């Protein structure tokens, strides 16, 4: 099978790594890819948000199956264009991808399906939003309605923080994503991520994870795209996961199908758990990053078969073969992230790291220049390990991280602290 993966981050390196474990993969192309992906697959230059260009490329390369990694191509309708061209694709339609592309749409679906979530209000006027915040008080959550690269959510612990977020969003800091704002009640509890595959009808759970959004030790400092993750998430017990399926995820999928926009792909539910009850924080319509890295580490080559079954509508016959194991990933980021940071700094020591089913360094923001691996983004490497226990996986991951020679990078030393 000839496979094309769209994307170039740590998530896509993990997907590519898992796909390459499957003997059914004959050829793998990743567009645009990165320096790490280039070591295991062919990388191609392609505008991944141009559905027509992607379809023409897939036809020219005799691609049998396309896996869409990031949310932007999904929101742009790339999956729709591929389906129109008769190319098998893993990823929801643009209409279904609104679950991530519009916070307001997600709230509308929750209202219609009865899925428990935070109370909210929607605003297109800054002064009305400010008045609402003053009336509600803090803590409160302010969200840019559209896609903001994982940075459009402000958990404001003070009224001043919330008002500043309104100024930023309506002032253009998040571009078109901030033209409408959703303001939510603050939910207390512990947050975890629940991943399922959908084929338009069947929902198949494929794992849980917990990530660390804050940049600093002890979950302090500004939010980031994620500084590390581990799987499984102990807080998401089997009983709570079943409640989330029955009360949140299956009703959502049923409501989308009722509207004529069946959901096909991976659905990632961010859940807030308190007193054994889950409530929806948000949906993402793609694998999380860095959660994908720990999920792929645990799933291995079967991940490709499961995604293929979802794309072909065969999930009712699919089964997930879980080992009783744990995985952890530690993100190495450029100093200054999530603020301003320097690009182009050299990273040494990567060629000495093991690459096994239990130890992998997934590249996120890297490029190869003059034979040297250089940082090209904020989150740059995902040092990932798998073991029989979380504490052992953590020890392996940090042992790998210590071998990397990159003075311009940093990582948190406490990933997994909630579970351990």
Protein backbone atom coordinates (compact mmCIF):
# COMPACT_ATOMS: atom_id res chain seq x y z
CA UNK A 1 0.00 0.00 0.00
CA UNK A 2 1.28 3.47 -0.95
CA UNK A 3 0.58 5.97 1.83
CA UNK A 4 0.74 9.76 2.04
CA UNK A 5 0.79 11.56 5.41
CA UNK A 6 0.11 15.30 5.48
CA UNK A 7 2.00 17.34 8.08
CA UNK A 8 5.48 17.98 9.36
CA UNK A 9 5.47 17.92 13.15
CA UNK A 10 6.10 15.49 15.97
CA UNK A 11 2.62 14.03 15.53
CA UNK A 12 3.35 13.21 11.90
CA UNK A 13 6.76 11.71 12.72
CA UNK A 14 5.01 9.42 15.22
CA UNK A 15 2.34 8.49 12.65
CA UNK A 16 5.01 7.82 10.03
CA UNK A 17 6.97 5.69 12.48
CA UNK A 18 3.89 3.61 13.33
CA UNK A 19 2.92 3.19 9.66
CA UNK A 20 6.44 2.01 8.83
CA UNK A 21 6.05 -0.77 11.43
CA UNK A 22 3.23 -2.25 9.34
CA UNK A 23 4.30 -4.66 6.58
CA UNK A 24 1.37 -3.52 4.43
CA UNK A 25 3.15 -0.19 3.84
CA UNK A 26 5.07 -0.39 0.55
CA UNK A 27 5.80 3.32 0.07
CA UNK A 28 5.47 6.24 2.47
CA UNK A 29 5.57 9.92 1.54
CA UNK A 30 5.17 12.72 4.09
CA UNK A 31 4.46 16.30 3.07
CA UNK A 32 6.22 18.45 4.07
CA UNK A 33 7.86 16.26 6.75
CA UNK A 34 10.93 17.27 8.77
CA UNK A 35 14.53 16.21 9.32
CA UNK A 36 13.56 13.21 11.44
CA UNK A 37 10.82 12.02 9.10
CA UNK A 38 13.25 12.25 6.18
CA UNK A 39 15.29 9.47 7.80
CA UNK A 40 12.42 6.95 7.45
CA UNK A 41 10.28 8.24 4.56
CA UNK A 42 10.37 10.41 1.47
CA UNK A 43 9.47 14.05 2.15
CA UNK A 44 7.68 16.14 -0.45
CA UNK A 45 7.02 19.85 -0.91
CA UNK A 46 3.27 20.34 -1.15
CA UNK A 47 0.66 22.90 -0.08
CA UNK A 48 -1.25 20.59 2.27
CA UNK A 49 -4.19 23.01 2.60
CA UNK A 50 -4.82 22.95 -1.18
CA UNK A 51 -7.12 19.98 -1.67
CA UNK A 52 -6.76 20.02 -5.45
CA UNK A 53 -2.97 20.01 -5.25
CA UNK A 54 -3.02 17.17 -2.72
CA UNK A 55 -5.39 15.10 -4.88
CA UNK A 56 -3.27 15.62 -8.01
CA UNK A 57 -0.11 14.67 -6.09
CA UNK A 58 -1.79 11.54 -4.70
CA UNK A 59 -2.93 10.48 -8.16
CA UNK A 60 0.52 11.09 -9.67
CA UNK A 61 2.19 9.03 -6.94
CA UNK A 62 -0.40 6.21 -7.08
CA UNK A 63 -1.29 6.80 -3.41
CA UNK A 64 -3.75 4.30 -1.96
CA UNK A 65 -4.38 5.96 1.41
CA UNK A 66 -3.95 9.51 2.76
CA UNK A 67 -3.65 10.26 6.49
CA UNK A 68 -4.22 13.92 7.38
CA UNK A 69 -2.28 14.98 10.47
CA UNK A 70 -3.01 18.66 11.33
CA UNK A 71 -6.34 20.40 11.78
CA UNK A 72 -5.85 23.19 9.20
CA UNK A 73 -6.12 20.95 6.08
CA UNK A 74 -9.19 19.29 7.58
CA UNK A 75 -10.88 22.64 8.19
CA UNK A 76 -9.92 23.64 4.64
CA UNK A 77 -11.79 20.64 3.21
CA UNK A 78 -8.83 18.61 1.96
CA UNK A 79 -10.49 15.34 3.01
CA UNK A 80 -13.59 16.31 1.01
CA UNK A 81 -11.53 16.98 -2.11
CA UNK A 82 -9.73 13.65 -1.80
CA UNK A 83 -13.02 11.77 -1.42
CA UNK A 84 -14.38 13.53 -4.49
CA UNK A 85 -11.32 12.26 -6.38
CA UNK A 86 -11.98 8.71 -5.17
CA UNK A 87 -8.92 8.60 -2.91
CA UNK A 88 -9.24 6.85 0.45
CA UNK A 89 -8.57 9.30 3.27
CA UNK A 90 -8.41 9.28 7.06
CA UNK A 91 -9.86 12.52 8.38
CA UNK A 92 -13.25 14.23 8.76
CA UNK A 93 -15.02 16.45 6.26
CA UNK A 94 -14.76 20.22 6.64
CA UNK A 95 -18.33 20.24 7.99
CA UNK A 96 -17.50 17.68 10.70
CA UNK A 97 -14.12 19.32 11.39
CA UNK A 98 -16.01 22.35 12.69
CA UNK A 99 -15.95 20.50 16.02
CA UNK A 100 -12.44 21.94 16.33
CA UNK A 101 -12.59 24.82 13.88
CA UNK A 102 -15.41 26.52 15.80
CA UNK A 103 -15.78 26.46 19.59
CA UNK A 104 -19.29 27.89 19.17
CA UNK A 105 -20.28 25.02 16.86
CA UNK A 106 -19.06 22.49 19.43
CA UNK A 107 -21.22 24.15 22.09
CA UNK A 108 -24.17 24.01 19.71
CA UNK A 109 -23.62 20.27 19.20
CA UNK A 110 -23.32 19.73 22.97
CA UNK A 111 -26.60 21.56 23.51
CA UNK A 112 -28.33 19.47 20.85
CA UNK A 113 -26.93 16.13 22.05
CA UNK A 114 -27.12 16.80 25.80
CA UNK A 115 -23.38 16.35 26.28
CA UNK A 116 -22.25 17.79 29.64
CA UNK A 117 -19.92 20.79 29.26
CA UNK A 118 -19.31 24.21 30.80
CA UNK A 119 -21.97 26.91 30.64
CA UNK A 120 -21.02 29.53 28.04
CA UNK A 121 -21.86 32.66 26.08
CA UNK A 122 -20.83 33.76 22.55
CA UNK A 123 -19.70 37.25 21.57
CA UNK A 124 -18.77 39.17 18.43
CA UNK A 125 -18.63 42.49 20.31
CA UNK A 126 -15.75 43.28 22.66
CA UNK A 127 -17.68 45.57 25.01
CA UNK A 128 -20.47 43.03 25.48
CA UNK A 129 -17.85 40.37 26.25
CA UNK A 130 -16.17 42.66 28.82
CA UNK A 131 -19.52 43.36 30.48
CA UNK A 132 -20.21 39.62 30.71
CA UNK A 133 -16.82 38.99 32.35
CA UNK A 134 -17.38 41.77 34.89
CA UNK A 135 -20.77 40.27 35.74
CA UNK A 136 -19.47 36.69 36.01
CA UNK A 137 -16.13 37.34 37.71
CA UNK A 138 -13.11 35.04 37.69
CA UNK A 139 -11.80 32.40 37.25
CA UNK A 140 -13.28 32.18 33.78
CA UNK A 141 -12.20 30.77 30.40
CA UNK A 142 -11.91 32.88 27.24
CA UNK A 143 -11.64 31.07 23.89
CA UNK A 144 -11.04 32.33 20.37
CA UNK A 145 -13.77 30.64 18.32
CA UNK A 146 -11.54 29.52 15.44
CA UNK A 147 -8.26 27.68 14.95
CA UNK A 148 -5.39 29.36 16.79
CA UNK A 149 -2.66 26.68 16.71
CA UNK A 150 -3.54 25.47 20.19
CA UNK A 151 -3.00 28.91 21.76
CA UNK A 152 -6.47 30.45 21.58
CA UNK A 153 -7.65 29.39 25.04
CA UNK A 154 -7.00 31.62 28.07
CA UNK A 155 -7.80 30.22 31.50
CA UNK A 156 -8.06 33.53 33.33
CA UNK A 157 -7.66 33.32 37.09
CA UNK A 158 -8.37 37.04 37.51
CA UNK A 159 -10.84 39.44 35.93
CA UNK A 160 -7.98 41.55 34.57
CA UNK A 161 -6.50 38.51 32.78
CA UNK A 162 -9.86 37.79 31.18
CA UNK A 163 -10.33 41.38 30.04
CA UNK A 164 -6.81 41.39 28.60
CA UNK A 165 -7.65 38.22 26.67
CA UNK A 166 -10.70 39.93 25.18
CA UNK A 167 -8.51 42.86 24.11
CA UNK A 168 -6.01 40.48 22.50
CA UNK A 169 -8.61 38.44 20.66
CA UNK A 170 -10.69 41.29 19.31
CA UNK A 171 -7.50 43.26 18.72
CA UNK A 172 -6.33 40.72 16.14
CA UNK A 173 -3.70 38.76 18.09
CA UNK A 174 -5.29 35.51 16.89
CA UNK A 175 -6.28 36.72 13.42
CA UNK A 176 -9.65 35.61 12.10
CA UNK A 177 -9.87 32.99 14.88
CA UNK A 178 -10.62 35.77 17.38
CA UNK A 179 -13.44 37.44 15.43
CA UNK A 180 -15.88 35.56 17.65
CA UNK A 181 -15.20 34.64 21.27
CA UNK A 182 -16.69 31.97 23.50
CA UNK A 183 -16.56 32.63 27.26
CA UNK A 184 -17.06 29.64 29.54
CA UNK A 185 -17.46 28.90 33.20
CA UNK A 186 -14.26 27.65 34.79
CA UNK A 187 -14.44 23.90 35.38
CA UNK A 188 -12.62 22.36 38.33
CA UNK A 189 -11.13 18.90 38.23
CA UNK A 190 -8.39 16.97 36.47
CA UNK A 191 -8.08 17.12 32.69
CA UNK A 192 -7.36 14.13 30.48
CA UNK A 193 -7.58 13.20 26.81
CA UNK A 194 -9.72 10.41 25.37
CA UNK A 195 -9.12 9.22 21.80
CA UNK A 196 -11.58 7.31 19.66
CA UNK A 197 -11.77 6.37 16.00
CA UNK A 198 -15.02 6.86 14.10
CA UNK A 199 -16.16 5.61 10.70
CA UNK A 200 -19.36 7.65 10.57
CA UNK A 201 -21.25 5.17 12.72
CA UNK A 202 -19.06 2.99 14.95
CA UNK A 203 -16.96 4.52 17.74
CA UNK A 204 -13.81 2.62 18.78
CA UNK A 205 -11.79 3.81 21.81
CA UNK A 206 -8.05 3.64 21.14
CA UNK A 207 -6.50 5.12 24.27
CA UNK A 208 -6.18 7.80 26.90
CA UNK A 209 -3.43 10.29 27.64
CA UNK A 210 -2.64 13.27 29.80
CA UNK A 211 -0.50 16.17 28.66
CA UNK A 212 1.20 19.14 30.32
CA UNK A 213 0.16 22.41 28.70
CA UNK A 214 2.02 24.87 30.93
CA UNK A 215 5.59 25.74 30.09
CA UNK A 216 6.95 25.62 33.66
CA UNK A 217 7.58 23.03 36.34
CA UNK A 218 4.55 22.12 38.42
CA UNK A 219 2.23 23.22 35.60
CA UNK A 220 3.04 26.92 35.96
CA UNK A 221 3.53 29.70 33.43
CA UNK A 222 1.80 30.31 30.10
CA UNK A 223 0.02 27.66 28.07
CA UNK A 224 1.90 25.97 25.25
CA UNK A 225 1.07 23.41 22.59
CA UNK A 226 2.15 20.78 25.14
CA UNK A 227 5.41 20.11 27.01
CA UNK A 228 4.97 16.36 27.47
CA UNK A 229 2.41 13.58 27.79
CA UNK A 230 1.89 10.07 29.04
CA UNK A 231 -0.47 7.20 28.32
CA UNK A 232 -2.62 5.76 29.76
CA UNK A 233 -4.14 8.46 31.97
CA UNK A 234 -4.89 6.92 35.39
CA UNK A 235 -7.65 9.44 36.11
CA UNK A 236 -9.61 8.16 33.10
CA UNK A 237 -10.71 4.85 34.59
CA UNK A 238 -12.70 2.31 32.59
CA UNK A 239 -15.89 3.42 34.32
CA UNK A 240 -15.31 7.11 33.57
CA UNK A 241 -14.31 6.32 29.98
CA UNK A 242 -17.57 4.43 29.50
CA UNK A 243 -19.53 7.38 30.88
CA UNK A 244 -17.70 9.69 28.47
CA UNK A 245 -18.60 7.41 25.57
CA UNK A 246 -22.26 7.14 26.57
CA UNK A 247 -22.86 10.74 27.64
CA UNK A 248 -20.54 12.77 25.40
CA UNK A 249 -18.87 11.05 22.44
CA UNK A 250 -21.56 8.73 21.05
CA UNK A 251 -24.27 11.42 21.32
CA UNK A 252 -21.96 13.85 19.47
CA UNK A 253 -21.30 11.38 16.66
CA UNK A 254 -25.02 10.58 16.43
CA UNK A 255 -25.92 14.29 16.24
CA UNK A 256 -23.42 14.88 13.44
CA UNK A 257 -24.81 11.90 11.52
CA UNK A 258 -28.35 13.22 12.05
CA UNK A 259 -27.27 16.51 10.47
CA UNK A 260 -25.90 14.72 7.43
CA UNK A 261 -22.25 15.25 8.33
CA UNK A 262 -21.07 11.85 9.61
CA UNK A 263 -17.74 11.93 11.43
CA UNK A 264 -14.89 9.79 10.07
CA UNK A 265 -11.40 9.98 11.54
CA UNK A 266 -9.95 10.35 15.00
CA UNK A 267 -11.94 12.30 17.58
CA UNK A 268 -10.02 13.59 20.57
CA UNK A 269 -12.13 14.61 23.53
CA UNK A 270 -10.51 16.81 26.15
CA UNK A 271 -12.34 15.95 29.36
CA UNK A 272 -12.51 17.56 32.80
CA UNK A 273 -13.07 14.92 35.47
CA UNK A 274 -14.41 15.64 38.93
CA UNK A 275 -16.02 13.22 41.40
CA UNK A 276 -16.03 10.48 38.78
CA UNK A 277 -18.00 12.52 36.25
CA UNK A 278 -16.55 13.68 32.89
CA UNK A 279 -17.44 16.95 31.19
CA UNK A 280 -16.28 18.07 27.76
CA UNK A 281 -13.63 20.79 27.64
CA UNK A 282 -13.15 20.70 23.86
CA UNK A 283 -12.94 18.45 20.83
CA UNK A 284 -10.02 18.13 18.47
CA UNK A 285 -10.48 16.48 15.09
CA UNK A 286 -6.94 15.08 14.87
CA UNK A 287 -4.46 13.30 17.09
CA UNK A 288 -3.10 15.53 19.84
CA UNK A 289 0.49 16.63 19.81
CA UNK A 290 2.31 15.36 21.93
CA UNK A 291 -0.37 12.81 22.86
CA UNK A 292 -0.08 11.12 19.47
CA UNK A 293 3.53 10.26 20.21
CA UNK A 294 2.69 8.17 23.27
CA UNK A 295 -0.34 6.58 21.61
CA UNK A 296 1.64 5.53 18.53
CA UNK A 297 4.43 4.20 20.75
CA UNK A 298 1.89 1.90 22.41
CA UNK A 299 -0.13 0.98 19.31
CA UNK A 300 2.74 0.39 16.88
CA UNK A 301 1.97 -1.00 13.42
CA UNK A 302 -1.68 -1.80 14.19
CA UNK A 303 -2.38 1.94 14.15
CA UNK A 304 -2.32 1.88 10.36
CA UNK A 305 -4.80 -1.01 10.19
CA UNK A 306 -7.15 0.79 12.58
CA UNK A 307 -7.03 4.06 10.63
CA UNK A 308 -7.57 2.15 7.39
CA UNK A 309 -10.61 0.38 8.90
CA UNK A 310 -12.05 3.76 9.96
CA UNK A 311 -11.59 5.15 6.45
CA UNK A 312 -13.28 2.14 4.87
CA UNK A 313 -16.17 1.99 7.37
CA UNK A 314 -15.04 -1.32 8.93
CA UNK A 315 -14.58 -0.32 12.57
CA UNK A 316 -17.33 -2.64 13.81
CA UNK A 317 -14.97 -5.53 13.01
CA UNK A 318 -11.80 -3.87 14.36
CA UNK A 319 -10.13 -4.59 17.68
CA UNK A 320 -7.36 -2.78 19.54
CA UNK A 321 -4.65 -5.06 20.92
CA UNK A 322 -3.32 -3.21 23.95
CA UNK A 323 -0.25 -4.30 25.83
CA UNK A 324 -0.23 -3.63 29.57
CA UNK A 325 2.35 -0.89 29.14
CA UNK A 326 2.96 2.83 29.59
CA UNK A 327 4.56 5.51 27.43
CA UNK A 328 5.85 8.99 28.12
CA UNK A 329 7.12 11.78 25.87
CA UNK A 330 9.16 14.79 26.97
CA UNK A 331 9.16 17.86 24.73
CA UNK A 332 12.42 19.72 24.13
CA UNK A 333 11.64 23.29 23.13
CA UNK A 334 13.69 26.28 22.04
CA UNK A 335 14.62 28.64 24.88
CA UNK A 336 12.09 31.47 24.97
CA UNK A 337 9.16 29.34 23.83
CA UNK A 338 6.19 29.97 23.92
CA UNK A 339 7.42 33.54 23.45
CA UNK A 340 10.09 34.57 20.97
CA UNK A 341 12.91 32.12 20.33
CA UNK A 342 15.88 31.69 18.03
CA UNK A 343 15.74 29.42 14.99
CA UNK A 344 18.61 27.66 13.27
CA UNK A 345 20.54 26.49 16.34
CA UNK A 346 22.37 23.18 15.93
CA UNK A 347 21.27 20.02 17.78
CA UNK A 348 23.92 17.37 18.40
CA UNK A 349 23.82 13.85 19.79
CA UNK A 350 20.70 12.66 17.98
CA UNK A 351 22.61 10.12 15.88
CA UNK A 352 23.65 8.20 19.01
CA UNK A 353 20.11 7.73 20.36
CA UNK A 354 18.45 4.30 20.10
CA UNK A 355 15.51 3.89 17.72
CA UNK A 356 13.49 0.93 18.93
CA UNK A 357 9.90 0.00 19.77
CA UNK A 358 10.62 1.30 23.29
CA UNK A 359 12.86 4.34 22.68
CA UNK A 360 12.33 7.02 20.03
CA UNK A 361 13.10 10.67 19.51
CA UNK A 362 10.37 12.11 17.30
CA UNK A 363 11.26 15.32 15.50
CA UNK A 364 8.84 18.25 15.49
CA UNK A 365 10.49 21.53 14.49
CA UNK A 366 13.71 20.41 12.81
CA UNK A 367 15.41 20.88 9.46
CA UNK A 368 18.58 19.50 7.86
CA UNK A 369 21.03 22.19 6.75
CA UNK A 370 24.59 21.53 5.58
CA UNK A 371 24.42 18.04 7.03
CA UNK A 372 23.42 19.34 10.47
CA UNK A 373 20.10 19.03 12.33
CA UNK A 374 18.87 22.51 13.27
CA UNK A 375 15.88 23.77 15.24
CA UNK A 376 13.19 25.36 13.09
CA UNK A 377 10.32 25.76 15.55
CA UNK A 378 9.30 26.28 19.16
CA UNK A 379 8.66 22.68 20.14
CA UNK A 380 11.51 20.81 18.51
CA UNK A 381 11.92 17.23 19.77
CA UNK A 382 9.71 14.63 21.49
CA UNK A 383 11.81 12.18 23.49
CA UNK A 384 9.56 9.15 23.93
CA UNK A 385 9.87 5.87 25.79
CA UNK A 386 7.68 2.85 26.55
CA UNK A 387 7.97 0.45 29.49
CA UNK A 388 6.02 -1.80 31.85
CA UNK A 389 5.43 1.06 34.30
CA UNK A 390 5.08 4.80 34.00
CA UNK A 391 8.00 5.39 36.34
CA UNK A 392 10.24 3.21 34.16
CA UNK A 393 9.05 4.93 30.97
CA UNK A 394 9.77 8.28 32.61
CA UNK A 395 13.29 7.20 33.60
CA UNK A 396 14.01 5.98 30.06
CA UNK A 397 12.71 9.19 28.45
CA UNK A 398 14.77 11.46 30.67
CA UNK A 399 17.86 9.29 30.19
CA UNK A 400 17.48 9.84 26.43
CA UNK A 401 16.93 13.58 26.89
CA UNK A 402 20.16 13.92 28.83
CA UNK A 403 22.11 12.55 25.87
CA UNK A 404 21.02 15.37 23.56
CA UNK A 405 23.51 18.22 23.17
CA UNK A 406 21.45 21.34 22.54
CA UNK A 407 22.34 24.30 24.78
CA UNK A 408 19.59 26.40 23.17
CA UNK A 409 16.84 23.99 24.22
CA UNK A 410 15.04 23.17 27.45
CA UNK A 411 12.54 20.69 28.84
CA UNK A 412 10.45 20.22 31.95
CA UNK A 413 11.86 17.72 34.42
CA UNK A 414 8.50 16.81 36.01
CA UNK A 415 6.42 15.30 33.21
CA UNK A 416 4.09 12.71 34.70
CA UNK A 417 4.08 14.20 38.19
CA UNK A 418 0.30 13.98 38.55
CA UNK A 419 0.26 10.26 37.92
CA UNK A 420 3.42 9.49 39.89
